[in-house]
Amino acid sequence: MSRAIEFYVVDILIAADKVSRYTASFDNAQSFLHSELEWDAVIRELEIIGEATKNLLKNNFVDTQYQSIVDFRNHIIHGYFGVDENIVWEVVTELLGQFTRELQNVVQREGLDISIAVSRARDDYSFSEKTVFFLDQLAMRI
């Protein structure tokens, strides 16, 4: 059974918010790399973003330029031993924000109603105060 596009969009937005929160206290790639817990958590969220983006591409919801996100996901999963912290840092501090803004623009342009996906995610993340707060903020914007 295939998931609806709206759920992949919300998955990406949640993961991007987590990445932002997990990296907020770092000011460079090296300090981030040496914080094992945050590094591992961010890598996992980037994997989620890549997988969800793959599904958006498969459904022609986003432009093919975002194939690079899927390729990056494949690299961090399959080439985990060769992941460059400077590239990850650039992705999380510069590129991810650009992608999520563009994704939100596509949602608006296409008139996609993500309210049900947000509501279900809120139930799924009821244990996480920060994610629930993010979802409540997202719900107010849609």
C-alpha atoms as a PDB file:
ATOM      1  CA  MET A   1       0.000   0.000   0.000  1.00  0.00           C
ATOM      2  CA  SER A   2       1.350   3.387  -1.032  1.00  0.00           C
ATOM      3  CA  ARG A   3       1.327   6.404   1.254  1.00  0.00           C
ATOM      4  CA  ALA A   4      -0.223   9.653   0.169  1.00  0.00           C
ATOM      5  CA  ILE A   5       2.102  12.451  -0.956  1.00  0.00           C
ATOM      6  CA  GLU A   6       1.018  14.611   1.987  1.00  0.00           C
ATOM      7  CA  PHE A   7       2.597  12.189   4.445  1.00  0.00           C
ATOM      8  CA  TYR A   8       5.967  12.284   2.679  1.00  0.00           C
ATOM      9  CA  VAL A   9       5.870  16.082   2.705  1.00  0.00           C
ATOM     10  CA  VAL A  10       5.187  16.129   6.446  1.00  0.00           C
ATOM     11  CA  ASP A  11       7.920  13.519   7.029  1.00  0.00           C
ATOM     12  CA  ILE A  12      10.404  15.832   5.319  1.00  0.00           C
ATOM     13  CA  LEU A  13       9.272  18.896   7.251  1.00  0.00           C
ATOM     14  CA  ILE A  14       9.477  17.074  10.585  1.00  0.00           C
ATOM     15  CA  ALA A  15      12.909  15.655   9.794  1.00  0.00           C
ATOM     16  CA  ALA A  16      14.188  19.065   8.689  1.00  0.00           C
ATOM     17  CA  ASP A  17      12.919  20.628  11.919  1.00  0.00           C
ATOM     18  CA  LYS A  18      14.707  17.950  13.938  1.00  0.00           C
ATOM     19  CA  VAL A  19      17.932  18.529  12.007  1.00  0.00           C
ATOM     20  CA  SER A  20      17.675  22.240  12.715  1.00  0.00           C
ATOM     21  CA  ARG A  21      17.152  21.627  16.420  1.00  0.00           C
ATOM     22  CA  TYR A  22      19.882  18.976  16.662  1.00  0.00           C
ATOM     23  CA  THR A  23      22.489  21.209  15.015  1.00  0.00           C
ATOM     24  CA  ALA A  24      21.542  24.565  16.577  1.00  0.00           C
ATOM     25  CA  SER A  25      24.320  24.494  19.167  1.00  0.00           C
ATOM     26  CA  PHE A  26      27.140  23.851  16.686  1.00  0.00           C
ATOM     27  CA  ASP A  27      29.069  26.443  14.744  1.00  0.00           C
ATOM     28  CA  ASN A  28      31.205  24.231  12.529  1.00  0.00           C
ATOM     29  CA  ALA A  29      31.383  20.807  10.924  1.00  0.00           C
ATOM     30  CA  GLN A  30      34.154  19.455  13.140  1.00  0.00           C
ATOM     31  CA  SER A  31      32.413  20.128  16.454  1.00  0.00           C
ATOM     32  CA  PHE A  32      29.239  18.657  14.989  1.00  0.00           C
ATOM     33  CA  LEU A  33      31.076  15.522  13.787  1.00  0.00           C
ATOM     34  CA  HIS A  34      32.575  14.985  17.232  1.00  0.00           C
ATOM     35  CA  SER A  35      29.179  15.012  18.883  1.00  0.00           C
ATOM     36  CA  GLU A  36      28.279  11.406  18.253  1.00  0.00           C
ATOM     37  CA  LEU A  37      24.647  11.519  19.346  1.00  0.00           C
ATOM     38  CA  GLU A  38      23.709  14.567  17.275  1.00  0.00           C
ATOM     39  CA  TRP A  39      25.746  13.390  14.273  1.00  0.00           C
ATOM     40  CA  ASP A  40      24.008  10.012  14.233  1.00  0.00           C
ATOM     41  CA  ALA A  41      20.567  11.561  14.756  1.00  0.00           C
ATOM     42  CA  VAL A  42      21.049  14.039  11.909  1.00  0.00           C
ATOM     43  CA  ILE A  43      22.317  11.345   9.557  1.00  0.00           C
ATOM     44  CA  ARG A  44      19.164   9.344  10.298  1.00  0.00           C
ATOM     45  CA  GLU A  45      16.910  12.336   9.606  1.00  0.00           C
ATOM     46  CA  LEU A  46      18.753  12.998   6.331  1.00  0.00           C
ATOM     47  CA  GLU A  47      18.079   9.387   5.364  1.00  0.00           C
ATOM     48  CA  ILE A  48      14.364   9.949   6.021  1.00  0.00           C
ATOM     49  CA  ILE A  49      14.397  13.135   3.945  1.00  0.00           C
ATOM     50  CA  GLY A  50      16.075  11.319   1.073  1.00  0.00           C
ATOM     51  CA  GLU A  51      13.661   8.400   1.154  1.00  0.00           C
ATOM     52  CA  ALA A  52      10.614  10.660   1.305  1.00  0.00           C
ATOM     53  CA  THR A  53      12.017  12.792  -1.522  1.00  0.00           C
ATOM     54  CA  LYS A  54      12.456   9.644  -3.606  1.00  0.00           C
ATOM     55  CA  ASN A  55       8.728   9.053  -3.261  1.00  0.00           C
ATOM     56  CA  LEU A  56       7.890  12.643  -4.148  1.00  0.00           C
ATOM     57  CA  LEU A  57      10.026  12.304  -7.288  1.00  0.00           C
ATOM     58  CA  LYS A  58       8.412   8.999  -8.178  1.00  0.00           C
ATOM     59  CA  ASN A  59       5.030  10.731  -8.029  1.00  0.00           C
ATOM     60  CA  ASN A  60       6.268  13.756 -10.008  1.00  0.00           C
ATOM     61  CA  PHE A  61       5.513  16.082  -7.100  1.00  0.00           C
ATOM     62  CA  VAL A  62       8.918  17.784  -7.069  1.00  0.00           C
ATOM     63  CA  ASP A  63      11.324  18.685  -9.843  1.00  0.00           C
ATOM     64  CA  THR A  64      14.024  16.213 -10.893  1.00  0.00           C
ATOM     65  CA  GLN A  65      16.687  18.625  -9.603  1.00  0.00           C
ATOM     66  CA  TYR A  66      15.984  17.095  -6.191  1.00  0.00           C
ATOM     67  CA  GLN A  67      17.337  13.725  -7.280  1.00  0.00           C
ATOM     68  CA  SER A  68      20.561  14.926  -5.643  1.00  0.00           C
ATOM     69  CA  ILE A  69      18.827  14.582  -2.254  1.00  0.00           C
ATOM     70  CA  VAL A  70      18.096  10.942  -2.989  1.00  0.00           C
ATOM     71  CA  ASP A  71      21.657  10.445  -4.227  1.00  0.00           C
ATOM     72  CA  PHE A  72      22.984  11.997  -1.005  1.00  0.00           C
ATOM     73  CA  ARG A  73      20.767   9.673   1.035  1.00  0.00           C
ATOM     74  CA  ASN A  74      22.160   6.700  -0.887  1.00  0.00           C
ATOM     75  CA  HIS A  75      25.696   7.890  -0.256  1.00  0.00           C
ATOM     76  CA  ILE A  76      25.237   8.268   3.502  1.00  0.00           C
ATOM     77  CA  ILE A  77      23.567   4.860   3.747  1.00  0.00           C
ATOM     78  CA  HIS A  78      25.864   2.879   1.492  1.00  0.00           C
ATOM     79  CA  GLY A  79      29.046   4.909   1.798  1.00  0.00           C
ATOM     80  CA  TYR A  80      28.707   5.724   5.478  1.00  0.00           C
ATOM     81  CA  PHE A  81      32.443   5.288   6.037  1.00  0.00           C
ATOM     82  CA  GLY A  82      33.222   8.043   3.545  1.00  0.00           C
ATOM     83  CA  VAL A  83      30.745  10.732   4.555  1.00  0.00           C
ATOM     84  CA  ASP A  84      32.428  14.137   4.579  1.00  0.00           C
ATOM     85  CA  GLU A  85      31.379  16.218   7.581  1.00  0.00           C
ATOM     86  CA  ASN A  86      31.841  19.450   5.614  1.00  0.00           C
ATOM     87  CA  ILE A  87      29.337  18.321   3.002  1.00  0.00           C
ATOM     88  CA  VAL A  88      26.873  17.246   5.685  1.00  0.00           C
ATOM     89  CA  TRP A  89      27.374  20.613   7.391  1.00  0.00           C
ATOM     90  CA  GLU A  90      26.651  22.473   4.152  1.00  0.00           C
ATOM     91  CA  VAL A  91      23.541  20.371   3.606  1.00  0.00           C
ATOM     92  CA  VAL A  92      22.147  21.016   7.074  1.00  0.00           C
ATOM     93  CA  THR A  93      23.095  24.688   7.359  1.00  0.00           C
ATOM     94  CA  GLU A  94      22.355  25.886   3.820  1.00  0.00           C
ATOM     95  CA  LEU A  95      20.726  23.448   1.428  1.00  0.00           C
ATOM     96  CA  LEU A  96      18.099  21.857   3.655  1.00  0.00           C
ATOM     97  CA  GLY A  97      16.400  25.162   4.427  1.00  0.00           C
ATOM     98  CA  GLN A  98      16.261  25.993   0.728  1.00  0.00           C
ATOM     99  CA  PHE A  99      14.690  22.628  -0.029  1.00  0.00           C
ATOM    100  CA  THR A 100      12.034  22.865   2.673  1.00  0.00           C
ATOM    101  CA  ARG A 101      11.086  26.386   1.594  1.00  0.00           C
ATOM    102  CA  GLU A 102      10.732  25.208  -1.993  1.00  0.00           C
ATOM    103  CA  LEU A 103       8.731  22.197  -0.839  1.00  0.00           C
ATOM    104  CA  GLN A 104       6.352  24.466   1.076  1.00  0.00           C
ATOM    105  CA  ASN A 105       6.010  26.628  -2.047  1.00  0.00           C
ATOM    106  CA  VAL A 106       5.100  23.541  -4.105  1.00  0.00           C
ATOM    107  CA  VAL A 107       2.528  22.532  -1.471  1.00  0.00           C
ATOM    108  CA  GLN A 108       0.913  25.967  -1.722  1.00  0.00           C
ATOM    109  CA  ARG A 109       1.135  26.145  -5.512  1.00  0.00           C
ATOM    110  CA  GLU A 110      -0.440  22.699  -5.892  1.00  0.00           C
ATOM    111  CA  GLY A 111      -3.059  23.393  -3.216  1.00  0.00           C
ATOM    112  CA  LEU A 112      -2.034  20.255  -1.334  1.00  0.00           C
ATOM    113  CA  ASP A 113      -3.906  19.828   1.945  1.00  0.00           C
ATOM    114  CA  ILE A 114      -1.438  18.424   4.473  1.00  0.00           C
ATOM    115  CA  SER A 115      -3.702  18.937   7.489  1.00  0.00           C
ATOM    116  CA  ILE A 116      -4.592  15.247   7.887  1.00  0.00           C
ATOM    117  CA  ALA A 117      -0.929  14.240   7.629  1.00  0.00           C
ATOM    118  CA  VAL A 118      -0.014  16.877  10.215  1.00  0.00           C
ATOM    119  CA  SER A 119      -2.769  15.663  12.543  1.00  0.00           C
ATOM    120  CA  ARG A 120      -1.691  12.029  12.262  1.00  0.00           C
ATOM    121  CA  ALA A 121       1.948  12.956  12.764  1.00  0.00           C
ATOM    122  CA  ARG A 122       0.948  14.906  15.865  1.00  0.00           C
ATOM    123  CA  ASP A 123      -0.631  11.721  17.240  1.00  0.00           C
ATOM    124  CA  ASP A 124       2.442   9.672  16.290  1.00  0.00           C
ATOM    125  CA  TYR A 125       4.783  12.158  17.982  1.00  0.00           C
ATOM    126  CA  SER A 126       2.628  12.847  21.033  1.00  0.00           C
ATOM    127  CA  PHE A 127       5.592  11.860  23.222  1.00  0.00           C
ATOM    128  CA  SER A 128       7.814  14.585  21.736  1.00  0.00           C
ATOM    129  CA  GLU A 129       6.980  18.045  23.022  1.00  0.00           C
ATOM    130  CA  LYS A 130       9.240  19.814  20.524  1.00  0.00           C
ATOM    131  CA  THR A 131       7.901  17.969  17.493  1.00  0.00           C
ATOM    132  CA  VAL A 132       4.306  18.509  18.629  1.00  0.00           C
ATOM    133  CA  PHE A 133       5.079  22.218  18.995  1.00  0.00           C
ATOM    134  CA  PHE A 134       6.515  22.274  15.458  1.00  0.00           C
ATOM    135  CA  LEU A 135       3.447  20.463  14.098  1.00  0.00           C
ATOM    136  CA  ASP A 136       1.111  22.863  15.898  1.00  0.00           C
ATOM    137  CA  GLN A 137       2.976  25.773  14.294  1.00  0.00           C
ATOM    138  CA  LEU A 138       2.781  24.063  10.904  1.00  0.00           C
ATOM    139  CA  ALA A 139      -0.947  23.471  11.343  1.00  0.00           C
ATOM    140  CA  MET A 140      -1.487  27.183  11.943  1.00  0.00           C
ATOM    141  CA  ARG A 141       0.263  28.037   8.665  1.00  0.00           C
ATOM    142  CA  ILE A 142      -1.784  25.674   6.478  1.00  0.00           C
END
